[in-house]
C-alpha atoms as a PDB file:
ATOM      1  CA  MET A   1       8.205 -24.528  16.915  1.00  0.00           C
ATOM      2  CA  LYS A   2       8.890 -21.028  16.160  1.00  0.00           C
ATOM      3  CA  LEU A   3       7.376 -19.714  12.930  1.00  0.00           C
ATOM      4  CA  LYS A   4       9.568 -17.402  10.992  1.00  0.00           C
ATOM      5  CA  ASN A   5       7.754 -16.953   7.600  1.00  0.00           C
ATOM      6  CA  ILE A   6       4.695 -18.250   5.839  1.00  0.00           C
ATOM      7  CA  ILE A   7       3.113 -17.312   2.556  1.00  0.00           C
ATOM      8  CA  LEU A   8       0.194 -18.953   0.624  1.00  0.00           C
ATOM      9  CA  HIS A   9      -0.060 -18.771  -3.115  1.00  0.00           C
ATOM     10  CA  GLN A  10      -2.382 -20.261  -5.699  1.00  0.00           C
ATOM     11  CA  ILE A  11      -1.821 -22.038  -8.981  1.00  0.00           C
ATOM     12  CA  ILE A  12      -5.011 -22.001 -11.153  1.00  0.00           C
ATOM     13  CA  ARG A  13      -5.303 -24.569 -13.825  1.00  0.00           C
ATOM     14  CA  GLU A  14      -8.406 -25.733 -15.548  1.00  0.00           C
ATOM     15  CA  ASN A  15      -8.403 -28.768 -17.870  1.00  0.00           C
ATOM     16  CA  GLU A  16      -5.097 -28.678 -19.691  1.00  0.00           C
ATOM     17  CA  ASP A  17      -4.901 -24.959 -20.138  1.00  0.00           C
ATOM     18  CA  ASP A  18      -1.547 -23.116 -19.206  1.00  0.00           C
ATOM     19  CA  PRO A  19      -1.400 -22.540 -15.407  1.00  0.00           C
ATOM     20  CA  GLU A  20      -1.890 -18.999 -14.011  1.00  0.00           C
ATOM     21  CA  LEU A  21      -0.340 -17.892 -10.783  1.00  0.00           C
ATOM     22  CA  ASN A  22      -2.220 -15.933  -7.983  1.00  0.00           C
ATOM     23  CA  CYS A  23       0.623 -14.992  -5.754  1.00  0.00           C
ATOM     24  CA  SER A  24       0.211 -13.084  -2.424  1.00  0.00           C
ATOM     25  CA  ASP A  25       1.945  -9.870  -1.954  1.00  0.00           C
ATOM     26  CA  HIS A  26       2.686 -10.424   1.603  1.00  0.00           C
ATOM     27  CA  ASN A  27       3.514 -12.962   4.368  1.00  0.00           C
ATOM     28  CA  LEU A  28       0.668 -14.200   6.402  1.00  0.00           C
ATOM     29  CA  ILE A  29       0.363 -12.600   9.861  1.00  0.00           C
ATOM     30  CA  HIS A  30       1.525 -14.989  12.676  1.00  0.00           C
ATOM     31  CA  ASN A  31      -1.414 -15.701  14.885  1.00  0.00           C
ATOM     32  CA  GLU A  32      -2.797 -18.775  16.697  1.00  0.00           C
ATOM     33  CA  THR A  33      -4.689 -20.067  13.800  1.00  0.00           C
ATOM     34  CA  VAL A  34      -1.678 -19.830  11.449  1.00  0.00           C
ATOM     35  CA  GLU A  35       0.598 -21.367  14.000  1.00  0.00           C
ATOM     36  CA  GLU A  36      -1.971 -24.256  14.614  1.00  0.00           C
ATOM     37  CA  PHE A  37      -2.105 -24.769  10.764  1.00  0.00           C
ATOM     38  CA  VAL A  38       1.744 -25.045  10.500  1.00  0.00           C
ATOM     39  CA  GLU A  39       1.896 -27.455  13.440  1.00  0.00           C
ATOM     40  CA  LYS A  40      -0.744 -29.620  11.849  1.00  0.00           C
ATOM     41  CA  LEU A  41       1.066 -29.452   8.458  1.00  0.00           C
ATOM     42  CA  ILE A  42       4.352 -30.509  10.063  1.00  0.00           C
ATOM     43  CA  LYS A  43       2.628 -33.361  12.014  1.00  0.00           C
ATOM     44  CA  ILE A  44       0.809 -34.624   8.802  1.00  0.00           C
ATOM     45  CA  TYR A  45       4.081 -34.361   6.818  1.00  0.00           C
ATOM     46  CA  SER A  46       6.097 -36.266   9.352  1.00  0.00           C
ATOM     47  CA  SER A  47       3.388 -39.091   9.512  1.00  0.00           C
ATOM     48  CA  LYS A  48       3.537 -39.682   5.731  1.00  0.00           C
ATOM     49  CA  ASN A  49       6.923 -41.511   6.016  1.00  0.00           C
ATOM     50  CA  PRO A  50       8.744 -39.076   3.745  1.00  0.00           C
ATOM     51  CA  THR A  51      11.612 -40.326   1.600  1.00  0.00           C
ATOM     52  CA  PHE A  52      14.948 -38.773   1.526  1.00  0.00           C
ATOM     53  CA  GLY A  53      16.466 -37.190  -1.549  1.00  0.00           C
ATOM     54  CA  SER A  54      18.974 -34.725  -2.683  1.00  0.00           C
ATOM     55  CA  PHE A  55      19.188 -31.803  -4.937  1.00  0.00           C
ATOM     56  CA  GLU A  56      20.415 -32.319  -8.535  1.00  0.00           C
ATOM     57  CA  ASP A  57      23.843 -30.970  -9.316  1.00  0.00           C
ATOM     58  CA  ASP A  58      22.458 -29.265 -12.395  1.00  0.00           C
ATOM     59  CA  SER A  59      21.151 -26.160 -10.660  1.00  0.00           C
ATOM     60  CA  VAL A  60      20.352 -24.526 -14.161  1.00  0.00           C
ATOM     61  CA  ASN A  61      17.624 -27.027 -14.951  1.00  0.00           C
ATOM     62  CA  TYR A  62      16.756 -27.553 -11.268  1.00  0.00           C
ATOM     63  CA  PRO A  63      17.012 -24.061  -9.860  1.00  0.00           C
ATOM     64  CA  PHE A  64      14.929 -24.419  -6.638  1.00  0.00           C
ATOM     65  CA  GLN A  65      18.021 -24.954  -4.610  1.00  0.00           C
ATOM     66  CA  LEU A  66      19.551 -21.734  -5.739  1.00  0.00           C
ATOM     67  CA  LYS A  67      16.343 -19.868  -4.723  1.00  0.00           C
ATOM     68  CA  VAL A  68      16.590 -21.480  -1.047  1.00  0.00           C
ATOM     69  CA  ARG A  69      20.147 -20.485  -0.880  1.00  0.00           C
ATOM     70  CA  GLU A  70      19.400 -16.844  -1.978  1.00  0.00           C
ATOM     71  CA  TYR A  71      16.561 -16.668   0.442  1.00  0.00           C
ATOM     72  CA  LEU A  72      18.737 -17.825   3.251  1.00  0.00           C
ATOM     73  CA  LYS A  73      21.388 -15.096   2.336  1.00  0.00           C
ATOM     74  CA  LYS A  74      19.077 -12.227   1.726  1.00  0.00           C
ATOM     75  CA  LEU A  75      16.024 -13.263   3.890  1.00  0.00           C
ATOM     76  CA  ASP A  76      13.539 -12.135   1.319  1.00  0.00           C
ATOM     77  CA  PHE A  77      10.855 -14.806   1.849  1.00  0.00           C
ATOM     78  CA  LEU A  78       8.254 -13.219  -0.492  1.00  0.00           C
ATOM     79  CA  ARG A  79      10.656 -13.050  -3.347  1.00  0.00           C
ATOM     80  CA  PHE A  80      11.882 -16.659  -2.674  1.00  0.00           C
ATOM     81  CA  SER A  81       8.274 -17.918  -2.777  1.00  0.00           C
ATOM     82  CA  LYS A  82       7.294 -16.044  -5.988  1.00  0.00           C
ATOM     83  CA  GLU A  83      10.414 -17.108  -7.867  1.00  0.00           C
ATOM     84  CA  SER A  84       9.752 -20.566  -6.754  1.00  0.00           C
ATOM     85  CA  MET A  85       6.110 -20.476  -7.827  1.00  0.00           C
ATOM     86  CA  ASN A  86       7.363 -19.589 -11.355  1.00  0.00           C
ATOM     87  CA  ILE A  87       9.551 -22.694 -11.316  1.00  0.00           C
ATOM     88  CA  LEU A  88       6.507 -24.698 -10.400  1.00  0.00           C
ATOM     89  CA  LYS A  89       4.430 -23.049 -13.004  1.00  0.00           C
ATOM     90  CA  LYS A  90       6.837 -24.371 -15.658  1.00  0.00           C
ATOM     91  CA  GLU A  91       6.809 -27.881 -14.144  1.00  0.00           C
ATOM     92  CA  ILE A  92       3.074 -28.237 -13.917  1.00  0.00           C
ATOM     93  CA  LYS A  93       2.495 -27.956 -17.544  1.00  0.00           C
ATOM     94  CA  THR A  94       2.338 -31.748 -17.738  1.00  0.00           C
ATOM     95  CA  PRO A  95      -0.949 -33.418 -18.745  1.00  0.00           C
ATOM     96  CA  LYS A  96      -3.348 -34.089 -15.852  1.00  0.00           C
ATOM     97  CA  ALA A  97      -1.508 -31.840 -13.421  1.00  0.00           C
ATOM     98  CA  THR A  98      -3.934 -29.530 -11.662  1.00  0.00           C
ATOM     99  CA  GLY A  99      -3.592 -26.383  -9.784  1.00  0.00           C
ATOM    100  CA  GLY A 100      -4.037 -25.784  -6.004  1.00  0.00           C
ATOM    101  CA  TYR A 101      -2.669 -23.790  -3.105  1.00  0.00           C
ATOM    102  CA  VAL A 102       1.151 -23.711  -2.342  1.00  0.00           C
ATOM    103  CA  VAL A 103       2.241 -22.876   1.194  1.00  0.00           C
ATOM    104  CA  PHE A 104       5.778 -21.857   1.935  1.00  0.00           C
ATOM    105  CA  VAL A 105       6.940 -22.083   5.562  1.00  0.00           C
ATOM    106  CA  HIS A 106      10.126 -21.334   7.302  1.00  0.00           C
ATOM    107  CA  TYR A 107      10.181 -22.486  10.945  1.00  0.00           C
ATOM    108  CA  GLU A 108      12.557 -23.351  13.679  1.00  0.00           C
ATOM    109  CA  GLU A 109      12.385 -26.388  15.849  1.00  0.00           C
ATOM    110  CA  LYS A 110      14.983 -27.427  18.460  1.00  0.00           C
ATOM    111  CA  LYS A 111      17.337 -24.665  17.136  1.00  0.00           C
ATOM    112  CA  VAL A 112      17.199 -26.230  13.564  1.00  0.00           C
ATOM    113  CA  ASP A 113      15.724 -24.199  10.732  1.00  0.00           C
ATOM    114  CA  PHE A 114      13.331 -26.032   8.192  1.00  0.00           C
ATOM    115  CA  VAL A 115      11.775 -24.726   4.920  1.00  0.00           C
ATOM    116  CA  ILE A 116       8.712 -26.636   3.851  1.00  0.00           C
ATOM    117  CA  THR A 117       6.710 -26.270   0.727  1.00  0.00           C
ATOM    118  CA  ALA A 118       3.491 -28.112   0.281  1.00  0.00           C
ATOM    119  CA  MET A 119       0.816 -28.105  -2.378  1.00  0.00           C
ATOM    120  CA  LEU A 120      -2.686 -28.378  -1.045  1.00  0.00           C
ATOM    121  CA  ASP A 121      -6.156 -28.929  -2.569  1.00  0.00           C
ATOM    122  CA  LYS A 122      -9.408 -27.496  -1.578  1.00  0.00           C
ATOM    123  CA  SER A 123     -12.244 -29.629  -0.279  1.00  0.00           C
ATOM    124  CA  THR A 124     -15.839 -28.959   0.787  1.00  0.00           C
ATOM    125  CA  GLN A 125     -16.638 -29.188   4.549  1.00  0.00           C
ATOM    126  CA  PHE A 126     -19.728 -28.360   6.405  1.00  0.00           C
ATOM    127  CA  ALA A 127     -20.060 -26.057   9.326  1.00  0.00           C
ATOM    128  CA  VAL A 128     -22.915 -25.289  11.680  1.00  0.00           C
ATOM    129  CA  ASP A 129     -24.034 -21.776  12.362  1.00  0.00           C
ATOM    130  CA  ASP A 130     -24.732 -22.009  16.180  1.00  0.00           C
ATOM    131  CA  SER A 131     -27.053 -19.030  16.230  1.00  0.00           C
ATOM    132  CA  SER A 132     -29.456 -20.332  13.388  1.00  0.00           C
ATOM    133  CA  LEU A 133     -28.565 -24.029  13.736  1.00  0.00           C
ATOM    134  CA  GLY A 134     -28.100 -23.982   9.883  1.00  0.00           C
ATOM    135  CA  ILE A 135     -25.542 -25.880   7.880  1.00  0.00           C
ATOM    136  CA  GLU A 136     -23.201 -24.007   5.695  1.00  0.00           C
ATOM    137  CA  LYS A 137     -20.760 -25.270   3.025  1.00  0.00           C
ATOM    138  CA  LEU A 138     -17.211 -24.175   3.361  1.00  0.00           C
ATOM    139  CA  LYS A 139     -14.195 -24.447   1.108  1.00  0.00           C
ATOM    140  CA  THR A 140     -11.154 -25.604   3.050  1.00  0.00           C
ATOM    141  CA  LEU A 141      -7.469 -26.464   2.611  1.00  0.00           C
ATOM    142  CA  ASP A 142      -7.340 -30.326   2.676  1.00  0.00           C
ATOM    143  CA  ILE A 143      -4.274 -30.616   4.916  1.00  0.00           C
ATOM    144  CA  ASP A 144      -5.193 -34.187   5.777  1.00  0.00           C
ATOM    145  CA  LYS A 145      -4.611 -35.449   2.256  1.00  0.00           C
ATOM    146  CA  LEU A 146      -1.240 -33.929   1.811  1.00  0.00           C
ATOM    147  CA  ALA A 147       0.325 -35.417  -1.201  1.00  0.00           C
ATOM    148  CA  ARG A 148       2.984 -33.137  -2.665  1.00  0.00           C
ATOM    149  CA  ALA A 149       5.464 -31.551  -0.231  1.00  0.00           C
ATOM    150  CA  ASN A 150       9.141 -31.197   0.670  1.00  0.00           C
ATOM    151  CA  ARG A 151      11.052 -30.225   3.772  1.00  0.00           C
ATOM    152  CA  ILE A 152      14.579 -29.011   3.871  1.00  0.00           C
ATOM    153  CA  ASN A 153      16.579 -29.376   7.137  1.00  0.00           C
ATOM    154  CA  ILE A 154      18.843 -26.373   6.739  1.00  0.00           C
ATOM    155  CA  LYS A 155      21.493 -27.698   9.085  1.00  0.00           C
ATOM    156  CA  LYS A 156      21.707 -30.981   7.424  1.00  0.00           C
ATOM    157  CA  TRP A 157      21.679 -29.443   3.967  1.00  0.00           C
ATOM    158  CA  ASP A 158      24.500 -27.172   4.920  1.00  0.00           C
ATOM    159  CA  ASN A 159      26.504 -30.229   6.013  1.00  0.00           C
ATOM    160  CA  LYS A 160      25.184 -32.616   3.259  1.00  0.00           C
ATOM    161  CA  PRO A 161      22.500 -31.729   0.675  1.00  0.00           C
ATOM    162  CA  VAL A 162      19.637 -33.944   1.685  1.00  0.00           C
ATOM    163  CA  VAL A 163      16.015 -33.140   1.230  1.00  0.00           C
ATOM    164  CA  HIS A 164      12.889 -34.911   2.420  1.00  0.00           C
ATOM    165  CA  PHE A 165      10.097 -35.366  -0.129  1.00  0.00           C
ATOM    166  CA  LYS A 166       6.439 -36.678   0.142  1.00  0.00           C
END
């Protein structure tokens, strides 16, 4: 797997208030931890038996596909992710929808490009401080409970517009 771009943004929504965006202003630095995170995300996504879908023909009311196309032409991942977050902000106004973290990933595997977007929640985990043998509470991204994500196989999409959803 070759990681090309990754960005993490946040949607904040308490109760049924309007959602607020906390968007990053930069791509994440590619390091061993980030690459391990992406590999686990791909593995978890693939294990969830994703269904196949396609984009709607109505790109005015369903503009995400246009944002993907614009990104692939201009290669401005930050802009693509922020514009996609604004689309998501409008959609998340439904009752009972909550916020969370949204990760955008562009990677290549076996000479095929993929764009994955996934919404993740935080969970509480516990860690051990080896020097003091104390227990500390950590907030972590709950990647194991991946519930909302999509992955676009760019090669297949160019040939036939099919998107995988979970």
